[in-house]
Amino acid sequence: MTTAAPPDTRDDRIRLGVIIGSIRDGRFGPTVARWFAGRAGRRDDIDLDLIDLAEAWLPDVLSYNAVDPDGDRPQPVRTLAPWLAAADAFVIVTPEYNHSFPGSLKTAIDWFREEWRAKPVGFVSYGGVAGGLRAVEQLRLVFAELDAVTVRETVSFHNHTDQFGTDGKPRDSETFDAAADLLLGRLGWWARALRDHRAKHPFGR
């Protein structure tokens, strides 16, 4: 992600925002995200934006004005907003911390609202024996409150450090590539359906 405005998608391709949710030192998220982005990049119907929250510098303390909710947004929030608004769909790459998802991810979600509405969200998770799925289940509740649509299909890596080779790719590439392709296919279906409907019937009207 750069500070310039995101390009427009003019044809039937979808714009997919892949969001790295962890900002911890030594995090594994970029490895997982780069693999998934590489898989998505093989498709000719997707334009991809890789958004790393560690580089977004979003404030930890939320400011909100009920009269003008966008008027007091800090500059990092204003910078990220057009990238989220331009996306037709999202994939959240998240670990599991203490049976939940990172606080940095919750902060990023809470800074925005319209940018998520009536768009599909998929998940790529990683963790210990649960593979980050407990974090995903909680994220589904959060995005439901924001009127986003979460897709059923999920890519999950249990004991994630054992699942990846030194080349940054899953050792069981056949299984995980197929799971990623299924997720991307479902996201594409929902992204086009919801984008077309938003164009004809703006959300909430």
N, C-alpha and C. Protein backbone atom coordinates (compact mmCIF):
# COMPACT_ATOMS: atom_id res chain seq x y z
N MET A 1 0.84 -1.20 0.00
CA MET A 1 0.00 0.00 0.00
C MET A 1 0.87 1.24 0.00
N THR A 2 0.53 2.22 -0.84
CA THR A 2 1.23 3.50 -0.87
C THR A 2 0.27 4.58 -0.39
N THR A 3 0.76 5.80 -0.29
CA THR A 3 -0.09 6.89 0.15
C THR A 3 -0.92 7.46 -0.99
N ALA A 4 -0.60 7.10 -2.25
CA ALA A 4 -1.38 7.57 -3.39
C ALA A 4 -2.75 6.92 -3.38
N ALA A 5 -3.68 7.55 -4.10
CA ALA A 5 -5.03 6.99 -4.17
C ALA A 5 -5.01 5.67 -4.93
N PRO A 6 -5.85 4.72 -4.52
CA PRO A 6 -5.89 3.44 -5.21
C PRO A 6 -6.46 3.59 -6.61
N PRO A 7 -5.99 2.79 -7.56
CA PRO A 7 -6.54 2.87 -8.92
C PRO A 7 -7.96 2.32 -8.97
N ASP A 8 -8.70 2.75 -9.98
CA ASP A 8 -10.06 2.26 -10.18
C ASP A 8 -10.03 0.91 -10.89
N THR A 9 -11.04 0.09 -10.61
CA THR A 9 -11.24 -1.14 -11.36
C THR A 9 -12.37 -0.89 -12.35
N ARG A 10 -12.08 -0.98 -13.64
CA ARG A 10 -13.02 -0.56 -14.66
C ARG A 10 -13.75 -1.72 -15.33
N ASP A 11 -13.30 -2.94 -15.14
CA ASP A 11 -13.94 -4.05 -15.82
C ASP A 11 -14.53 -5.00 -14.79
N ASP A 12 -14.65 -6.27 -15.13
CA ASP A 12 -15.30 -7.21 -14.23
C ASP A 12 -14.37 -7.74 -13.15
N ARG A 13 -13.14 -7.30 -13.15
CA ARG A 13 -12.23 -7.71 -12.08
C ARG A 13 -12.69 -7.13 -10.76
N ILE A 14 -12.28 -7.77 -9.67
CA ILE A 14 -12.58 -7.23 -8.35
C ILE A 14 -11.30 -6.71 -7.72
N ARG A 15 -11.46 -5.71 -6.87
CA ARG A 15 -10.32 -5.20 -6.11
C ARG A 15 -10.38 -5.82 -4.72
N LEU A 16 -9.34 -6.56 -4.39
CA LEU A 16 -9.27 -7.31 -3.14
C LEU A 16 -8.25 -6.68 -2.21
N GLY A 17 -8.69 -6.31 -1.01
CA GLY A 17 -7.77 -5.82 0.00
C GLY A 17 -7.40 -6.93 0.97
N VAL A 18 -6.13 -7.30 1.01
CA VAL A 18 -5.62 -8.31 1.94
C VAL A 18 -4.96 -7.57 3.10
N ILE A 19 -5.51 -7.75 4.29
CA ILE A 19 -5.11 -6.96 5.46
C ILE A 19 -4.33 -7.84 6.44
N ILE A 20 -3.10 -7.45 6.74
CA ILE A 20 -2.29 -8.14 7.74
C ILE A 20 -2.64 -7.57 9.11
N GLY A 21 -3.26 -8.39 9.97
CA GLY A 21 -3.85 -7.90 11.19
C GLY A 21 -2.90 -7.74 12.36
N SER A 22 -1.79 -8.46 12.37
CA SER A 22 -0.86 -8.40 13.51
C SER A 22 0.21 -7.35 13.27
N ILE A 23 0.58 -6.64 14.32
CA ILE A 23 1.67 -5.66 14.22
C ILE A 23 2.81 -5.99 15.18
N ARG A 24 2.77 -7.15 15.80
CA ARG A 24 3.80 -7.53 16.79
C ARG A 24 5.17 -7.68 16.15
N ASP A 25 6.21 -7.45 16.95
CA ASP A 25 7.56 -7.79 16.52
C ASP A 25 7.66 -9.30 16.32
N GLY A 26 8.33 -9.72 15.29
CA GLY A 26 8.52 -11.13 15.04
C GLY A 26 7.28 -11.84 14.52
N ARG A 27 6.28 -11.11 14.11
CA ARG A 27 5.01 -11.70 13.66
C ARG A 27 5.20 -12.59 12.43
N PHE A 28 4.29 -13.52 12.29
CA PHE A 28 4.32 -14.46 11.17
C PHE A 28 3.37 -14.04 10.06
N GLY A 29 2.54 -13.04 10.34
CA GLY A 29 1.51 -12.63 9.40
C GLY A 29 2.00 -12.30 8.00
N PRO A 30 3.10 -11.55 7.84
CA PRO A 30 3.55 -11.23 6.48
C PRO A 30 3.88 -12.47 5.65
N THR A 31 4.39 -13.52 6.29
CA THR A 31 4.68 -14.75 5.55
C THR A 31 3.40 -15.35 5.00
N VAL A 32 2.39 -15.45 5.84
CA VAL A 32 1.11 -16.00 5.40
C VAL A 32 0.48 -15.11 4.33
N ALA A 33 0.52 -13.80 4.55
CA ALA A 33 -0.10 -12.86 3.61
C ALA A 33 0.59 -12.88 2.26
N ARG A 34 1.92 -12.94 2.24
CA ARG A 34 2.63 -12.97 0.97
C ARG A 34 2.29 -14.22 0.18
N TRP A 35 2.18 -15.36 0.87
CA TRP A 35 1.78 -16.58 0.17
C TRP A 35 0.39 -16.42 -0.42
N PHE A 36 -0.56 -15.93 0.40
CA PHE A 36 -1.93 -15.81 -0.09
C PHE A 36 -2.01 -14.78 -1.22
N ALA A 37 -1.31 -13.67 -1.09
CA ALA A 37 -1.31 -12.66 -2.14
C ALA A 37 -0.73 -13.22 -3.43
N GLY A 38 0.30 -14.05 -3.31
CA GLY A 38 0.86 -14.68 -4.49
C GLY A 38 -0.14 -15.59 -5.18
N ARG A 39 -0.94 -16.30 -4.37
CA ARG A 39 -1.96 -17.17 -4.93
C ARG A 39 -3.04 -16.34 -5.63
N ALA A 40 -3.46 -15.25 -4.98
CA ALA A 40 -4.46 -14.38 -5.58
C ALA A 40 -3.94 -13.71 -6.85
N GLY A 41 -2.64 -13.41 -6.86
CA GLY A 41 -2.04 -12.75 -8.02
C GLY A 41 -1.99 -13.61 -9.26
N ARG A 42 -2.21 -14.91 -9.11
CA ARG A 42 -2.24 -15.80 -10.27
C ARG A 42 -3.52 -15.65 -11.08
N ARG A 43 -4.52 -15.03 -10.49
CA ARG A 43 -5.82 -14.89 -11.15
C ARG A 43 -5.86 -13.59 -11.96
N ASP A 44 -6.52 -13.64 -13.11
CA ASP A 44 -6.61 -12.45 -13.95
C ASP A 44 -7.88 -11.65 -13.68
N ASP A 45 -8.66 -12.07 -12.68
CA ASP A 45 -9.90 -11.34 -12.36
C ASP A 45 -9.80 -10.60 -11.03
N ILE A 46 -8.58 -10.45 -10.50
CA ILE A 46 -8.39 -9.80 -9.21
C ILE A 46 -7.29 -8.75 -9.31
N ASP A 47 -7.57 -7.55 -8.81
CA ASP A 47 -6.55 -6.54 -8.54
C ASP A 47 -6.33 -6.52 -7.04
N LEU A 48 -5.09 -6.58 -6.62
CA LEU A 48 -4.77 -6.85 -5.22
C LEU A 48 -4.10 -5.65 -4.56
N ASP A 49 -4.56 -5.33 -3.34
CA ASP A 49 -3.87 -4.38 -2.48
C ASP A 49 -3.50 -5.10 -1.19
N LEU A 50 -2.23 -5.10 -0.86
CA LEU A 50 -1.75 -5.71 0.38
C LEU A 50 -1.59 -4.60 1.41
N ILE A 51 -2.39 -4.65 2.47
CA ILE A 51 -2.45 -3.59 3.48
C ILE A 51 -1.89 -4.12 4.79
N ASP A 52 -0.77 -3.57 5.21
CA ASP A 52 -0.10 -4.01 6.44
C ASP A 52 -0.39 -2.99 7.54
N LEU A 53 -1.13 -3.42 8.56
CA LEU A 53 -1.48 -2.49 9.63
C LEU A 53 -0.26 -1.98 10.39
N ALA A 54 0.85 -2.71 10.33
CA ALA A 54 2.07 -2.24 10.98
C ALA A 54 2.62 -1.00 10.29
N GLU A 55 2.21 -0.76 9.05
CA GLU A 55 2.67 0.41 8.30
C GLU A 55 1.60 1.49 8.21
N ALA A 56 0.40 1.20 8.74
CA ALA A 56 -0.69 2.17 8.65
C ALA A 56 -0.64 3.21 9.77
N TRP A 57 -0.05 2.87 10.91
CA TRP A 57 0.13 3.79 12.04
C TRP A 57 -1.20 4.39 12.52
N LEU A 58 -2.22 3.54 12.58
CA LEU A 58 -3.51 4.03 13.06
C LEU A 58 -3.43 4.32 14.57
N PRO A 59 -4.04 5.40 15.03
CA PRO A 59 -4.02 5.70 16.47
C PRO A 59 -4.76 4.63 17.27
N ASP A 60 -4.25 4.38 18.47
CA ASP A 60 -4.89 3.39 19.35
C ASP A 60 -6.16 3.94 19.99
N VAL A 61 -6.23 5.24 20.17
CA VAL A 61 -7.38 5.85 20.83
C VAL A 61 -8.32 6.37 19.76
N LEU A 62 -9.57 5.89 19.78
CA LEU A 62 -10.55 6.31 18.80
C LEU A 62 -11.13 7.67 19.18
N SER A 63 -11.26 8.54 18.19
CA SER A 63 -11.97 9.80 18.37
C SER A 63 -13.24 9.75 17.53
N TYR A 64 -14.31 10.28 18.06
CA TYR A 64 -15.58 10.18 17.35
C TYR A 64 -16.46 11.36 17.69
N ASN A 65 -17.00 11.99 16.66
CA ASN A 65 -17.90 13.11 16.81
C ASN A 65 -19.24 12.71 16.21
N ALA A 66 -20.27 12.60 17.02
CA ALA A 66 -21.56 12.10 16.54
C ALA A 66 -22.16 13.00 15.47
N VAL A 67 -21.84 14.30 15.51
CA VAL A 67 -22.38 15.22 14.51
C VAL A 67 -21.65 15.08 13.19
N ASP A 68 -20.33 14.96 13.24
CA ASP A 68 -19.51 14.84 12.03
C ASP A 68 -18.49 13.73 12.25
N PRO A 69 -18.89 12.45 12.09
CA PRO A 69 -18.01 11.33 12.44
C PRO A 69 -16.74 11.25 11.62
N ASP A 70 -16.73 11.88 10.44
CA ASP A 70 -15.53 11.84 9.61
C ASP A 70 -14.66 13.09 9.79
N GLY A 71 -15.21 14.09 10.44
CA GLY A 71 -14.52 15.37 10.48
C GLY A 71 -13.24 15.37 11.30
N ASP A 72 -13.16 14.52 12.31
CA ASP A 72 -12.01 14.54 13.18
C ASP A 72 -11.12 13.31 13.00
N ARG A 73 -11.21 12.69 11.85
CA ARG A 73 -10.35 11.53 11.60
C ARG A 73 -8.89 11.95 11.50
N PRO A 74 -8.00 11.30 12.23
CA PRO A 74 -6.57 11.60 12.09
C PRO A 74 -6.07 11.26 10.68
N GLN A 75 -4.94 11.82 10.33
CA GLN A 75 -4.42 11.65 8.98
C GLN A 75 -4.18 10.19 8.60
N PRO A 76 -3.62 9.33 9.48
CA PRO A 76 -3.45 7.93 9.07
C PRO A 76 -4.77 7.25 8.71
N VAL A 77 -5.84 7.63 9.39
CA VAL A 77 -7.15 7.07 9.09
C VAL A 77 -7.63 7.57 7.74
N ARG A 78 -7.44 8.86 7.47
CA ARG A 78 -7.82 9.43 6.18
C ARG A 78 -7.01 8.81 5.04
N THR A 79 -5.76 8.47 5.32
CA THR A 79 -4.91 7.87 4.28
C THR A 79 -5.38 6.48 3.92
N LEU A 80 -5.75 5.70 4.92
CA LEU A 80 -6.16 4.32 4.67
C LEU A 80 -7.58 4.24 4.11
N ALA A 81 -8.43 5.18 4.45
CA ALA A 81 -9.85 5.11 4.08
C ALA A 81 -10.10 4.87 2.60
N PRO A 82 -9.44 5.59 1.66
CA PRO A 82 -9.75 5.36 0.25
C PRO A 82 -9.36 3.97 -0.24
N TRP A 83 -8.35 3.37 0.37
CA TRP A 83 -7.97 2.02 -0.01
C TRP A 83 -9.04 1.01 0.40
N LEU A 84 -9.59 1.20 1.59
CA LEU A 84 -10.67 0.32 2.02
C LEU A 84 -11.94 0.58 1.22
N ALA A 85 -12.22 1.85 0.95
CA ALA A 85 -13.42 2.19 0.20
C ALA A 85 -13.37 1.64 -1.21
N ALA A 86 -12.19 1.58 -1.81
CA ALA A 86 -12.05 1.11 -3.19
C ALA A 86 -12.18 -0.40 -3.30
N ALA A 87 -11.99 -1.11 -2.20
CA ALA A 87 -12.02 -2.58 -2.25
C ALA A 87 -13.43 -3.09 -2.47
N ASP A 88 -13.54 -4.13 -3.27
CA ASP A 88 -14.80 -4.85 -3.45
C ASP A 88 -14.93 -5.99 -2.45
N ALA A 89 -13.81 -6.44 -1.90
CA ALA A 89 -13.79 -7.56 -0.96
C ALA A 89 -12.52 -7.47 -0.13
N PHE A 90 -12.54 -8.16 1.02
CA PHE A 90 -11.39 -8.16 1.92
C PHE A 90 -11.04 -9.57 2.33
N VAL A 91 -9.75 -9.79 2.57
CA VAL A 91 -9.27 -10.99 3.27
C VAL A 91 -8.48 -10.51 4.47
N ILE A 92 -8.87 -10.97 5.64
CA ILE A 92 -8.18 -10.63 6.88
C ILE A 92 -7.23 -11.76 7.23
N VAL A 93 -5.96 -11.45 7.34
CA VAL A 93 -4.95 -12.42 7.76
C VAL A 93 -4.72 -12.20 9.24
N THR A 94 -5.11 -13.18 10.06
CA THR A 94 -5.08 -12.96 11.51
C THR A 94 -4.51 -14.14 12.27
N PRO A 95 -3.72 -13.87 13.31
CA PRO A 95 -3.36 -14.91 14.26
C PRO A 95 -4.43 -15.01 15.34
N GLU A 96 -4.21 -15.91 16.27
CA GLU A 96 -5.07 -16.02 17.44
C GLU A 96 -4.25 -15.70 18.68
N TYR A 97 -4.67 -14.66 19.40
CA TYR A 97 -4.02 -14.28 20.66
C TYR A 97 -5.01 -14.53 21.79
N ASN A 98 -4.70 -15.44 22.67
CA ASN A 98 -5.55 -15.68 23.85
C ASN A 98 -7.02 -15.91 23.46
N HIS A 99 -7.22 -16.81 22.49
CA HIS A 99 -8.56 -17.18 22.02
C HIS A 99 -9.27 -16.05 21.28
N SER A 100 -8.54 -15.04 20.82
CA SER A 100 -9.18 -13.94 20.12
C SER A 100 -8.22 -13.39 19.07
N PHE A 101 -8.59 -12.25 18.49
CA PHE A 101 -7.78 -11.66 17.44
C PHE A 101 -7.02 -10.44 17.98
N PRO A 102 -6.04 -9.93 17.26
CA PRO A 102 -5.20 -8.85 17.79
C PRO A 102 -5.97 -7.56 18.04
N GLY A 103 -5.56 -6.85 19.08
CA GLY A 103 -6.15 -5.55 19.36
C GLY A 103 -5.93 -4.57 18.22
N SER A 104 -4.80 -4.67 17.55
CA SER A 104 -4.52 -3.78 16.41
C SER A 104 -5.56 -3.95 15.31
N LEU A 105 -6.03 -5.16 15.14
CA LEU A 105 -7.04 -5.42 14.12
C LEU A 105 -8.38 -4.83 14.52
N LYS A 106 -8.75 -4.98 15.80
CA LYS A 106 -10.01 -4.40 16.27
C LYS A 106 -9.99 -2.87 16.15
N THR A 107 -8.86 -2.27 16.47
CA THR A 107 -8.75 -0.82 16.32
C THR A 107 -8.94 -0.41 14.88
N ALA A 108 -8.30 -1.14 13.96
CA ALA A 108 -8.43 -0.81 12.54
C ALA A 108 -9.87 -0.97 12.05
N ILE A 109 -10.53 -2.00 12.50
CA ILE A 109 -11.92 -2.20 12.10
C ILE A 109 -12.79 -1.06 12.62
N ASP A 110 -12.58 -0.66 13.87
CA ASP A 110 -13.44 0.31 14.52
C ASP A 110 -13.27 1.73 13.97
N TRP A 111 -12.15 2.03 13.35
CA TRP A 111 -11.95 3.37 12.80
C TRP A 111 -12.85 3.61 11.58
N PHE A 112 -13.38 2.55 11.00
CA PHE A 112 -14.12 2.67 9.74
C PHE A 112 -15.51 2.04 9.88
N ARG A 113 -16.41 2.46 9.00
CA ARG A 113 -17.73 1.83 8.97
C ARG A 113 -18.24 1.68 7.55
N GLU A 114 -18.44 2.79 6.87
CA GLU A 114 -18.98 2.73 5.51
C GLU A 114 -18.08 1.91 4.59
N GLU A 115 -16.80 1.92 4.87
CA GLU A 115 -15.84 1.21 4.01
C GLU A 115 -16.05 -0.30 4.02
N TRP A 116 -16.66 -0.83 5.11
CA TRP A 116 -16.89 -2.28 5.22
C TRP A 116 -18.26 -2.70 4.71
N ARG A 117 -19.20 -1.79 4.70
CA ARG A 117 -20.61 -2.14 4.52
C ARG A 117 -20.91 -2.83 3.19
N ALA A 118 -21.71 -3.91 3.29
CA ALA A 118 -22.20 -4.63 2.12
C ALA A 118 -21.07 -5.12 1.22
N LYS A 119 -19.97 -5.53 1.85
CA LYS A 119 -18.84 -6.12 1.12
C LYS A 119 -18.50 -7.46 1.76
N PRO A 120 -17.98 -8.41 0.98
CA PRO A 120 -17.63 -9.71 1.53
C PRO A 120 -16.26 -9.69 2.20
N VAL A 121 -16.15 -10.48 3.26
CA VAL A 121 -14.90 -10.58 4.01
C VAL A 121 -14.56 -12.06 4.18
N GLY A 122 -13.34 -12.43 3.81
CA GLY A 122 -12.83 -13.78 4.03
C GLY A 122 -11.68 -13.76 5.02
N PHE A 123 -11.30 -14.94 5.49
CA PHE A 123 -10.28 -15.01 6.53
C PHE A 123 -9.22 -16.05 6.20
N VAL A 124 -7.98 -15.68 6.47
CA VAL A 124 -6.85 -16.61 6.47
C VAL A 124 -6.26 -16.52 7.87
N SER A 125 -6.32 -17.61 8.62
CA SER A 125 -5.92 -17.56 10.02
C SER A 125 -4.77 -18.53 10.29
N TYR A 126 -4.07 -18.26 11.37
CA TYR A 126 -2.97 -19.13 11.76
C TYR A 126 -2.82 -19.09 13.28
N GLY A 127 -2.31 -20.18 13.84
CA GLY A 127 -2.15 -20.25 15.28
C GLY A 127 -1.67 -21.62 15.70
N GLY A 128 -2.03 -22.00 16.93
CA GLY A 128 -1.63 -23.30 17.47
C GLY A 128 -2.56 -24.39 16.99
N VAL A 129 -3.04 -25.20 17.94
CA VAL A 129 -3.86 -26.35 17.55
C VAL A 129 -5.18 -25.92 16.92
N ALA A 130 -5.68 -24.73 17.25
CA ALA A 130 -6.96 -24.26 16.70
C ALA A 130 -6.79 -23.54 15.37
N GLY A 131 -5.57 -23.27 14.97
CA GLY A 131 -5.34 -22.65 13.68
C GLY A 131 -5.91 -21.26 13.53
N GLY A 132 -6.15 -20.57 14.62
CA GLY A 132 -6.70 -19.22 14.56
C GLY A 132 -8.19 -19.15 14.35
N LEU A 133 -8.88 -20.29 14.35
CA LEU A 133 -10.30 -20.29 14.03
C LEU A 133 -11.16 -19.64 15.12
N ARG A 134 -10.68 -19.64 16.36
CA ARG A 134 -11.44 -18.95 17.40
C ARG A 134 -11.42 -17.44 17.17
N ALA A 135 -10.30 -16.95 16.65
CA ALA A 135 -10.24 -15.53 16.29
C ALA A 135 -11.21 -15.24 15.15
N VAL A 136 -11.27 -16.13 14.17
CA VAL A 136 -12.16 -15.93 13.03
C VAL A 136 -13.62 -15.89 13.46
N GLU A 137 -14.01 -16.80 14.36
CA GLU A 137 -15.41 -16.81 14.80
C GLU A 137 -15.80 -15.50 15.47
N GLN A 138 -14.89 -14.91 16.21
CA GLN A 138 -15.19 -13.64 16.85
C GLN A 138 -15.23 -12.50 15.83
N LEU A 139 -14.36 -12.57 14.83
CA LEU A 139 -14.37 -11.56 13.79
C LEU A 139 -15.67 -11.59 12.98
N ARG A 140 -16.24 -12.76 12.82
CA ARG A 140 -17.52 -12.84 12.10
C ARG A 140 -18.60 -12.01 12.83
N LEU A 141 -18.60 -12.06 14.14
CA LEU A 141 -19.57 -11.28 14.91
C LEU A 141 -19.34 -9.79 14.73
N VAL A 142 -18.09 -9.38 14.73
CA VAL A 142 -17.76 -7.97 14.59
C VAL A 142 -18.20 -7.46 13.22
N PHE A 143 -17.86 -8.21 12.16
CA PHE A 143 -18.19 -7.74 10.82
C PHE A 143 -19.69 -7.80 10.55
N ALA A 144 -20.40 -8.70 11.19
CA ALA A 144 -21.85 -8.72 11.06
C ALA A 144 -22.45 -7.41 11.57
N GLU A 145 -21.91 -6.89 12.64
CA GLU A 145 -22.40 -5.62 13.20
C GLU A 145 -22.14 -4.46 12.25
N LEU A 146 -21.15 -4.61 11.38
CA LEU A 146 -20.81 -3.56 10.42
C LEU A 146 -21.48 -3.77 9.07
N ASP A 147 -22.42 -4.72 9.00
CA ASP A 147 -23.17 -5.00 7.77
C ASP A 147 -22.28 -5.53 6.66
N ALA A 148 -21.17 -6.15 7.01
CA ALA A 148 -20.36 -6.87 6.03
C ALA A 148 -20.83 -8.32 5.96
N VAL A 149 -20.46 -9.01 4.90
CA VAL A 149 -20.86 -10.40 4.68
C VAL A 149 -19.62 -11.28 4.76
N THR A 150 -19.54 -12.13 5.75
CA THR A 150 -18.39 -13.02 5.86
C THR A 150 -18.68 -14.33 5.12
N VAL A 151 -17.71 -14.80 4.37
CA VAL A 151 -17.90 -16.03 3.61
C VAL A 151 -17.54 -17.23 4.48
N ARG A 152 -18.16 -18.33 4.18
CA ARG A 152 -18.00 -19.54 5.00
C ARG A 152 -16.59 -20.11 4.89
N GLU A 153 -16.05 -20.15 3.68
CA GLU A 153 -14.76 -20.79 3.43
C GLU A 153 -13.63 -20.02 4.11
N THR A 154 -12.73 -20.74 4.75
CA THR A 154 -11.61 -20.14 5.47
C THR A 154 -10.35 -20.96 5.22
N VAL A 155 -9.21 -20.29 5.11
CA VAL A 155 -7.92 -20.97 5.07
C VAL A 155 -7.32 -20.88 6.47
N SER A 156 -6.96 -22.01 7.05
CA SER A 156 -6.51 -22.03 8.44
C SER A 156 -5.25 -22.88 8.57
N PHE A 157 -4.25 -22.34 9.25
CA PHE A 157 -2.99 -23.05 9.49
C PHE A 157 -2.84 -23.34 10.98
N HIS A 158 -2.99 -24.59 11.38
CA HIS A 158 -2.74 -24.95 12.76
C HIS A 158 -1.25 -25.24 12.92
N ASN A 159 -0.71 -24.93 14.09
CA ASN A 159 0.74 -25.06 14.33
C ASN A 159 1.50 -24.49 13.14
N HIS A 160 1.25 -23.24 12.88
CA HIS A 160 1.62 -22.62 11.61
C HIS A 160 3.12 -22.64 11.29
N THR A 161 3.96 -22.56 12.30
CA THR A 161 5.39 -22.55 12.01
C THR A 161 5.86 -23.88 11.44
N ASP A 162 5.12 -24.94 11.71
CA ASP A 162 5.45 -26.24 11.15
C ASP A 162 4.90 -26.42 9.74
N GLN A 163 3.94 -25.57 9.37
CA GLN A 163 3.25 -25.74 8.09
C GLN A 163 4.00 -25.11 6.91
N PHE A 164 4.92 -24.17 7.22
CA PHE A 164 5.61 -23.44 6.16
C PHE A 164 7.07 -23.87 6.06
N GLY A 165 7.55 -23.94 4.83
CA GLY A 165 8.96 -24.22 4.60
C GLY A 165 9.78 -22.95 4.62
N THR A 166 11.07 -23.09 4.43
CA THR A 166 11.96 -21.94 4.44
C THR A 166 11.74 -21.02 3.24
N ASP A 167 11.04 -21.52 2.24
CA ASP A 167 10.74 -20.70 1.07
C ASP A 167 9.50 -19.83 1.27
N GLY A 168 8.89 -19.90 2.46
CA GLY A 168 7.73 -19.08 2.74
C GLY A 168 6.44 -19.61 2.16
N LYS A 169 6.44 -20.87 1.75
CA LYS A 169 5.24 -21.48 1.17
C LYS A 169 4.82 -22.68 2.02
N PRO A 170 3.53 -23.01 2.01
CA PRO A 170 3.08 -24.18 2.78
C PRO A 170 3.73 -25.45 2.26
N ARG A 171 4.10 -26.33 3.18
CA ARG A 171 4.68 -27.61 2.77
C ARG A 171 3.65 -28.46 2.04
N ASP A 172 2.42 -28.43 2.51
CA ASP A 172 1.34 -29.14 1.82
C ASP A 172 0.69 -28.16 0.85
N SER A 173 1.42 -27.83 -0.19
CA SER A 173 0.95 -26.78 -1.10
C SER A 173 -0.34 -27.16 -1.81
N GLU A 174 -0.52 -28.41 -2.13
CA GLU A 174 -1.71 -28.82 -2.87
C GLU A 174 -2.98 -28.54 -2.05
N THR A 175 -2.94 -28.90 -0.78
CA THR A 175 -4.12 -28.69 0.07
C THR A 175 -4.41 -27.22 0.28
N PHE A 176 -3.40 -26.44 0.62
CA PHE A 176 -3.64 -25.03 0.95
C PHE A 176 -3.86 -24.17 -0.28
N ASP A 177 -3.23 -24.52 -1.39
CA ASP A 177 -3.52 -23.80 -2.63
C ASP A 177 -4.98 -23.99 -3.03
N ALA A 178 -5.47 -25.22 -2.87
CA ALA A 178 -6.87 -25.49 -3.21
C ALA A 178 -7.81 -24.73 -2.28
N ALA A 179 -7.46 -24.66 -0.99
CA ALA A 179 -8.30 -23.91 -0.04
C ALA A 179 -8.31 -22.43 -0.38
N ALA A 180 -7.16 -21.89 -0.74
CA ALA A 180 -7.07 -20.48 -1.11
C ALA A 180 -7.89 -20.20 -2.37
N ASP A 181 -7.80 -21.08 -3.35
CA ASP A 181 -8.54 -20.89 -4.59
C ASP A 181 -10.04 -20.93 -4.35
N LEU A 182 -10.48 -21.81 -3.46
CA LEU A 182 -11.91 -21.88 -3.14
C LEU A 182 -12.36 -20.59 -2.48
N LEU A 183 -11.59 -20.11 -1.52
CA LEU A 183 -11.92 -18.85 -0.85
C LEU A 183 -11.98 -17.70 -1.84
N LEU A 184 -11.02 -17.62 -2.73
CA LEU A 184 -10.99 -16.55 -3.72
C LEU A 184 -12.19 -16.62 -4.66
N GLY A 185 -12.57 -17.82 -5.03
CA GLY A 185 -13.73 -17.98 -5.88
C GLY A 185 -15.00 -17.51 -5.22
N ARG A 186 -15.19 -17.87 -3.96
CA ARG A 186 -16.38 -17.45 -3.23
C ARG A 186 -16.39 -15.92 -3.04
N LEU A 187 -15.24 -15.36 -2.72
CA LEU A 187 -15.16 -13.91 -2.56
C LEU A 187 -15.51 -13.20 -3.86
N GLY A 188 -15.03 -13.74 -4.98
CA GLY A 188 -15.32 -13.13 -6.27
C GLY A 188 -16.82 -13.12 -6.56
N TRP A 189 -17.49 -14.24 -6.24
CA TRP A 189 -18.93 -14.33 -6.48
C TRP A 189 -19.67 -13.27 -5.66
N TRP A 190 -19.37 -13.23 -4.38
CA TRP A 190 -20.05 -12.28 -3.49
C TRP A 190 -19.67 -10.84 -3.83
N ALA A 191 -18.42 -10.60 -4.17
CA ALA A 191 -17.98 -9.23 -4.47
C ALA A 191 -18.73 -8.67 -5.66
N ARG A 192 -18.88 -9.46 -6.71
CA ARG A 192 -19.58 -8.97 -7.90
C ARG A 192 -21.07 -8.79 -7.62
N ALA A 193 -21.65 -9.75 -6.91
CA ALA A 193 -23.07 -9.66 -6.61
C ALA A 193 -23.38 -8.42 -5.77
N LEU A 194 -22.58 -8.21 -4.74
CA LEU A 194 -22.83 -7.07 -3.85
C LEU A 194 -22.47 -5.75 -4.52
N ARG A 195 -21.42 -5.72 -5.31
CA ARG A 195 -21.05 -4.49 -6.02
C ARG A 195 -22.15 -4.08 -6.99
N ASP A 196 -22.68 -5.03 -7.73
CA ASP A 196 -23.74 -4.73 -8.68
C ASP A 196 -24.99 -4.22 -7.95
N HIS A 197 -25.30 -4.86 -6.82
CA HIS A 197 -26.50 -4.45 -6.09
C HIS A 197 -26.32 -3.09 -5.44
N ARG A 198 -25.13 -2.81 -4.92
CA ARG A 198 -24.88 -1.49 -4.34
C ARG A 198 -25.04 -0.39 -5.38
N ALA A 199 -24.62 -0.70 -6.62
CA ALA A 199 -24.72 0.29 -7.69
C ALA A 199 -26.18 0.62 -8.01
N LYS A 200 -27.05 -0.36 -7.93
CA LYS A 200 -28.47 -0.15 -8.23
C LYS A 200 -29.25 0.33 -7.02
N HIS A 201 -28.86 -0.16 -5.85
CA HIS A 201 -29.59 0.16 -4.63
C HIS A 201 -28.57 0.48 -3.53
N PRO A 202 -28.20 1.71 -3.37
CA PRO A 202 -27.24 2.06 -2.30
C PRO A 202 -27.68 1.48 -0.96
N PHE A 203 -26.72 1.01 -0.21
CA PHE A 203 -27.03 0.30 1.03
C PHE A 203 -27.78 1.20 1.99
N GLY A 204 -28.83 0.63 2.60
CA GLY A 204 -29.60 1.35 3.60
C GLY A 204 -30.76 2.15 3.05
N ARG A 205 -30.93 2.08 1.72
CA ARG A 205 -32.04 2.84 1.15
C ARG A 205 -33.14 1.90 0.67
